[in-house]
Amino acid sequence: MKPASTPSSPSADPSLCSGRSLDRPSRAFCGGRLLRRALLASCAATALATYSIPQQPSQRATARRVNELTLAGLRPGRASAKHAIRLLGEPAGNAEPDYSNHLDWFDHCRGLLLTVDLDKQNRIPTVRLSRQTPIGEACDVRTSPWKTGHGLRVYDETSLLQRTYGNPDSKSPSTRDGQPLELWYYAFDWAGPDVPQVMEILCTREKEGQPGRVVEITLAAPSL
């Protein structure tokens, strides 16, 4: 004897409870606890599927962070006046570290000025490289040994600056000798207390299709 047929139940698809005529068992299912349970199970499955989709990390979180240690071969916070003179030669005017709070070196043909500040122990907390007016026959600035540890030089385009160090922590308008400039500020405190903490870079602004260019680089051990 064949078993009595059982009316089909819409439990596999709760959506079947709408838009069609139902027999008595189906009406009992659609109006009772089973429907609520089925709907809860469907919602839970949807939420689980959504949660399991890998989330793409934000661009800021995945951006490569680069800090700088040296400028013109000098590391602020560690280099001393004696080390700078040994590396760069005698400073302009044969200034004596014991009687000055800074030392200067000029590269006249490239139009560059390198300045180091000195503390009371003749250590160097800050190194600054800036553009000056060339004197005499101009030289190729791209061959200058005065650059950051990552190779950035004065006169380089701001596009290279951004490719090398990424977006600055802040960018603000500035001026020098009446020329409108932009100040790019990088904080390196995230790299630890034993490295230079700040790099500030003055740049010309992009104008009429001409790229912005670096005109001054300052690397400092303490915060400026």
Protein backbone atom coordinates (compact mmCIF):
# COMPACT_ATOMS: atom_id res chain seq x y z
CA MET A 1 0.00 0.00 0.00
CA LYS A 2 1.36 3.32 -0.97
CA PRO A 3 1.78 5.79 1.85
CA ALA A 4 -0.56 8.69 1.89
CA SER A 5 0.82 11.65 0.05
CA THR A 6 1.87 14.62 2.17
CA PRO A 7 1.07 18.10 0.92
CA SER A 8 4.20 19.97 -0.04
CA SER A 9 5.42 22.58 2.43
CA PRO A 10 6.83 25.95 1.43
CA SER A 11 9.49 25.72 4.15
CA ALA A 12 12.26 25.57 1.54
CA ASP A 13 11.17 28.92 0.15
CA PRO A 14 9.31 31.28 2.48
CA SER A 15 8.55 33.57 -0.42
CA LEU A 16 6.04 31.03 -1.64
CA CYS A 17 3.76 32.18 1.17
CA SER A 18 2.64 35.17 -0.84
CA GLY A 19 0.82 35.61 -4.09
CA ARG A 20 -0.77 32.17 -4.38
CA SER A 21 -3.65 30.12 -2.92
CA LEU A 22 -2.52 27.73 -0.19
CA ASP A 23 -3.99 24.53 1.23
CA ARG A 24 -4.53 24.14 4.97
CA PRO A 25 -1.06 22.76 5.89
CA SER A 26 0.56 25.54 3.92
CA ARG A 27 -1.59 28.19 5.61
CA ALA A 28 -0.57 26.74 8.96
CA PHE A 29 3.08 26.96 7.99
CA CYS A 30 2.86 30.49 6.64
CA GLY A 31 1.02 31.81 9.64
CA GLY A 32 2.89 30.04 12.40
CA ARG A 33 6.21 29.66 14.07
CA LEU A 34 7.81 27.81 11.18
CA LEU A 35 7.62 30.89 8.98
CA ARG A 36 9.33 33.04 11.59
CA ARG A 37 12.07 30.47 12.02
CA ALA A 38 12.57 30.19 8.27
CA LEU A 39 12.81 33.94 7.89
CA LEU A 40 15.31 34.20 10.76
CA ALA A 41 17.43 31.44 9.21
CA SER A 42 17.35 33.21 5.83
CA CYS A 43 18.48 36.51 7.41
CA ALA A 44 21.27 34.78 9.31
CA ALA A 45 22.53 33.10 6.15
CA THR A 46 22.52 36.42 4.28
CA ALA A 47 24.42 38.17 7.08
CA LEU A 48 27.00 35.38 7.22
CA ALA A 49 27.56 35.53 3.48
CA THR A 50 28.05 39.31 3.62
CA TYR A 51 30.46 39.07 6.56
CA SER A 52 32.55 36.42 4.84
CA ILE A 53 33.31 38.66 1.83
CA PRO A 54 36.91 39.88 2.21
CA GLN A 55 36.97 43.57 3.00
CA GLN A 56 39.43 45.69 1.06
CA PRO A 57 41.72 47.67 3.41
CA SER A 58 41.59 51.42 3.06
CA GLN A 59 44.11 53.14 0.83
CA ARG A 60 45.51 55.10 3.79
CA ALA A 61 46.11 51.90 5.78
CA THR A 62 47.95 50.20 2.94
CA ALA A 63 49.96 53.24 1.80
CA ARG A 64 53.71 52.73 2.13
CA ARG A 65 55.12 54.99 4.83
CA VAL A 66 58.62 56.34 4.28
CA ASN A 67 60.67 58.35 6.75
CA GLU A 68 63.93 60.19 6.13
CA LEU A 69 67.17 59.85 8.11
CA THR A 70 69.74 62.06 6.37
CA LEU A 71 70.21 65.23 4.37
CA ALA A 72 73.53 65.88 2.62
CA GLY A 73 74.89 62.82 4.39
CA LEU A 74 74.15 64.25 7.87
CA ARG A 75 71.73 62.69 10.34
CA PRO A 76 70.13 65.27 12.65
CA GLY A 77 70.35 64.30 16.30
CA ARG A 78 73.49 62.21 15.79
CA ALA A 79 75.88 64.13 13.53
CA SER A 80 78.26 66.63 15.11
CA ALA A 81 79.99 69.77 13.82
CA LYS A 82 83.27 67.85 13.53
CA HIS A 83 81.59 65.16 11.47
CA ALA A 84 80.04 67.78 9.17
CA ILE A 85 83.39 69.51 8.60
CA ARG A 86 85.09 66.18 7.95
CA LEU A 87 82.39 65.30 5.40
CA LEU A 88 81.83 68.69 3.74
CA GLY A 89 85.09 70.59 4.26
CA GLU A 90 85.56 73.95 5.92
CA PRO A 91 82.35 75.98 6.28
CA ALA A 92 81.89 79.41 4.74
CA GLY A 93 84.01 82.07 6.42
CA ASN A 94 85.89 79.34 8.31
CA ALA A 95 83.34 79.69 11.09
CA GLU A 96 84.30 78.01 14.36
CA PRO A 97 81.65 75.70 15.86
CA ASP A 98 82.50 76.84 19.39
CA TYR A 99 81.60 80.45 18.52
CA SER A 100 78.58 79.99 16.26
CA ASN A 101 75.13 78.41 16.52
CA HIS A 102 75.16 77.37 12.87
CA LEU A 103 77.53 76.55 10.00
CA ASP A 104 77.04 77.24 6.27
CA TRP A 105 78.34 75.70 3.07
CA PHE A 106 77.73 77.14 -0.41
CA ASP A 107 77.61 75.45 -3.78
CA HIS A 108 77.80 78.58 -5.90
CA CYS A 109 77.57 77.08 -9.36
CA ARG A 110 74.45 75.08 -8.44
CA GLY A 111 72.96 77.87 -6.36
CA LEU A 112 72.67 75.86 -3.13
CA LEU A 113 73.11 76.76 0.54
CA LEU A 114 73.52 74.06 3.18
CA THR A 115 73.05 75.15 6.79
CA VAL A 116 73.35 73.11 9.99
CA ASP A 117 72.17 74.36 13.37
CA LEU A 118 74.30 73.53 16.41
CA ASP A 119 73.32 72.90 20.01
CA LYS A 120 75.50 73.57 23.06
CA GLN A 121 77.30 70.25 22.60
CA ASN A 122 78.03 71.08 18.92
CA ARG A 123 75.63 68.41 17.78
CA ILE A 124 73.37 69.03 14.80
CA PRO A 125 69.60 69.05 15.53
CA THR A 126 68.61 70.52 12.14
CA VAL A 127 69.94 70.41 8.56
CA ARG A 128 68.58 72.80 5.92
CA LEU A 129 69.23 72.83 2.17
CA SER A 130 67.92 75.77 0.15
CA ARG A 131 68.06 77.30 -3.30
CA GLN A 132 70.13 80.43 -3.88
CA THR A 133 71.10 82.47 -6.92
CA PRO A 134 73.89 80.69 -8.81
CA ILE A 135 77.18 82.55 -9.13
CA GLY A 136 79.28 82.15 -12.24
CA GLU A 137 78.79 79.31 -14.68
CA ALA A 138 75.79 77.20 -13.74
CA CYS A 139 76.24 73.50 -12.96
CA ASP A 140 73.79 70.62 -13.33
CA VAL A 141 71.88 70.43 -10.05
CA ARG A 142 71.05 66.79 -10.76
CA THR A 143 74.67 65.89 -10.00
CA SER A 144 74.69 67.56 -6.57
CA PRO A 145 75.76 65.26 -3.72
CA TRP A 146 73.51 67.30 -1.40
CA LYS A 147 70.30 65.28 -1.31
CA THR A 148 68.12 63.32 1.09
CA GLY A 149 68.81 59.69 1.88
CA HIS A 150 66.08 58.77 -0.61
CA GLY A 151 67.63 60.92 -3.34
CA LEU A 152 65.43 64.04 -3.33
CA ARG A 153 67.25 67.25 -4.34
CA VAL A 154 66.43 70.92 -4.44
CA TYR A 155 64.97 71.78 -7.89
CA ASP A 156 63.30 68.33 -8.16
CA GLU A 157 59.64 68.31 -9.20
CA THR A 158 56.95 67.91 -6.57
CA SER A 159 55.72 64.82 -8.41
CA LEU A 160 58.99 63.09 -7.45
CA LEU A 161 58.59 64.33 -3.88
CA GLN A 162 55.14 62.77 -3.67
CA ARG A 163 56.23 59.50 -5.27
CA THR A 164 59.12 59.24 -2.81
CA TYR A 165 57.43 60.15 0.48
CA GLY A 166 53.72 59.99 -0.28
CA ASN A 167 51.17 62.62 0.66
CA PRO A 168 52.34 65.04 3.37
CA ASP A 169 50.70 65.20 6.77
CA SER A 170 49.78 68.76 5.89
CA LYS A 171 50.22 71.24 3.08
CA SER A 172 49.90 74.97 3.63
CA PRO A 173 50.63 78.23 1.77
CA SER A 174 53.91 79.97 2.51
CA THR A 175 56.19 82.66 1.08
CA ARG A 176 59.90 83.36 0.80
CA ASP A 177 61.33 86.61 -0.47
CA GLY A 178 57.84 87.53 -1.63
CA GLN A 179 57.44 84.38 -3.72
CA PRO A 180 54.28 82.34 -3.05
CA LEU A 181 55.18 78.79 -2.06
CA GLU A 182 53.69 75.65 -0.54
CA LEU A 183 54.96 74.04 2.65
CA TRP A 184 54.83 70.23 2.66
CA TYR A 185 55.05 68.90 6.22
CA TYR A 186 56.00 65.30 7.06
CA ALA A 187 55.97 63.97 10.63
CA PHE A 188 58.06 60.87 11.34
CA ASP A 189 57.22 60.32 15.02
CA TRP A 190 55.53 57.05 14.00
CA ALA A 191 59.02 55.67 13.15
CA GLY A 192 60.22 56.01 16.76
CA PRO A 193 61.99 58.61 18.92
CA ASP A 194 65.52 57.88 17.69
CA VAL A 195 65.04 59.13 14.13
CA PRO A 196 64.54 62.64 12.70
CA GLN A 197 61.01 63.62 13.63
CA VAL A 198 60.12 66.23 11.00
CA MET A 199 60.81 67.09 7.38
CA GLU A 200 59.55 70.37 5.93
CA ILE A 201 59.82 71.05 2.21
CA LEU A 202 59.11 74.37 0.53
CA CYS A 203 57.96 74.09 -3.07
CA THR A 204 56.93 76.42 -5.85
CA ARG A 205 53.31 76.06 -6.90
CA GLU A 206 52.15 74.51 -10.13
CA LYS A 207 51.31 77.31 -12.53
CA GLU A 208 50.32 77.48 -16.20
CA GLY A 209 51.38 73.92 -16.87
CA GLN A 210 54.72 74.30 -15.11
CA PRO A 211 55.34 71.71 -12.36
CA GLY A 212 56.00 72.69 -8.78
CA ARG A 213 59.63 72.34 -7.69
CA VAL A 214 61.47 71.89 -4.40
CA VAL A 215 63.25 75.06 -3.22
CA GLU A 216 64.12 74.14 0.38
CA ILE A 217 64.41 70.95 2.48
CA THR A 218 64.63 70.97 6.28
CA LEU A 219 65.23 67.79 8.28
CA ALA A 220 65.10 68.04 12.07
CA ALA A 221 65.60 65.72 15.01
CA PRO A 222 63.10 67.51 17.28
CA SER A 223 59.66 68.66 16.26
CA LEU A 224 59.71 72.09 14.64
